[in-house]
Protein backbone atom coordinates (compact mmCIF):
# COMPACT_ATOMS: atom_id res chain seq x y z
CA MET A 1 -5.01 -31.89 7.50
CA LEU A 2 -1.72 -30.44 6.30
CA LEU A 3 -1.29 -28.53 3.07
CA LYS A 4 0.98 -31.30 1.80
CA ASP A 5 -1.77 -33.88 2.35
CA ARG A 6 -4.38 -31.70 0.67
CA THR A 7 -2.10 -31.10 -2.29
CA VAL A 8 -1.52 -34.83 -2.79
CA ASN A 9 -5.19 -35.75 -2.20
CA SER A 10 -6.29 -33.13 -4.76
CA ASN A 11 -3.79 -34.49 -7.31
CA LEU A 12 -2.12 -31.09 -7.60
CA ALA A 13 1.31 -32.65 -7.01
CA SER A 14 2.73 -36.05 -6.22
CA VAL A 15 4.69 -36.95 -3.11
CA GLU A 16 7.86 -37.13 -5.23
CA GLU A 17 7.27 -33.64 -6.64
CA LEU A 18 6.78 -32.26 -3.15
CA LYS A 19 10.01 -33.92 -2.01
CA GLU A 20 11.86 -32.32 -4.96
CA ILE A 21 10.43 -28.92 -4.02
CA ASP A 22 11.48 -29.48 -0.41
CA VAL A 23 15.05 -30.32 -1.48
CA GLU A 24 15.22 -27.21 -3.72
CA VAL A 25 13.91 -24.95 -0.96
CA ARG A 26 16.31 -26.35 1.63
CA LYS A 27 19.22 -25.85 -0.82
CA GLU A 28 18.17 -22.25 -1.46
CA ILE A 29 17.91 -21.56 2.28
CA GLU A 30 21.32 -23.12 2.91
CA ASP A 31 22.89 -21.04 0.12
CA ALA A 32 21.33 -17.85 1.49
CA ALA A 33 22.51 -18.65 5.02
CA GLN A 34 26.07 -19.28 3.82
CA PHE A 35 26.04 -16.05 1.81
CA ALA A 36 24.79 -14.09 4.82
CA THR A 37 27.40 -15.48 7.19
CA ALA A 38 30.26 -15.02 4.69
CA ASP A 39 29.32 -11.43 3.84
CA PRO A 40 31.43 -8.92 5.79
CA GLU A 41 29.71 -6.57 8.19
CA PRO A 42 29.45 -2.96 7.04
CA PRO A 43 31.82 -0.39 8.54
CA LEU A 44 30.46 1.57 11.49
CA GLU A 45 30.25 4.81 9.50
CA GLU A 46 27.83 3.15 7.06
CA LEU A 47 25.41 1.69 9.61
CA GLY A 48 23.04 4.64 9.30
CA TYR A 49 22.88 4.62 5.51
CA HIS A 50 19.72 3.63 3.65
CA ILE A 51 17.43 3.89 6.65
CA TYR A 52 14.15 5.42 5.63
CA SER A 53 11.37 6.12 8.06
CA ASN A 54 8.16 8.05 7.87
CA GLU A 55 7.54 9.43 11.30
CA PRO A 56 3.91 9.53 12.30
CA PRO A 57 2.48 13.03 12.49
CA PHE A 58 2.84 14.57 15.93
CA GLU A 59 -0.58 15.36 17.30
CA VAL A 60 -1.93 16.19 20.70
CA ARG A 61 -5.39 14.78 21.18
CA GLY A 62 -8.00 17.51 21.34
CA ALA A 63 -5.60 20.26 20.23
CA ASN A 64 -5.58 21.97 16.86
CA GLN A 65 -3.11 24.78 16.24
CA TRP A 66 -5.39 26.42 13.66
CA ILE A 67 -8.37 26.89 15.98
CA LYS A 68 -8.40 30.19 17.86
CA PHE A 69 -9.87 30.03 21.33
CA LYS A 70 -11.87 32.83 22.88
CA SER A 71 -10.59 34.32 26.07
CA ILE A 72 -13.21 34.34 28.81
CA ARG A 73 -12.84 37.02 31.48
């Protein structure tokens, strides 16, 4: 059973209300798509701006730089 069917069967919204919501959502998506395609691409020198990344800590499994090993002779 689809969410739309459950919503109507539970009397949370009517079929007409769901159609209105569908029309509004499609309009918003269309507007966003038009805005995205009409927006100019950034210049090449700005492509690296506003990129934030947290690199994972570099670890070697089984190695700890703070543990001193005994030399066996």
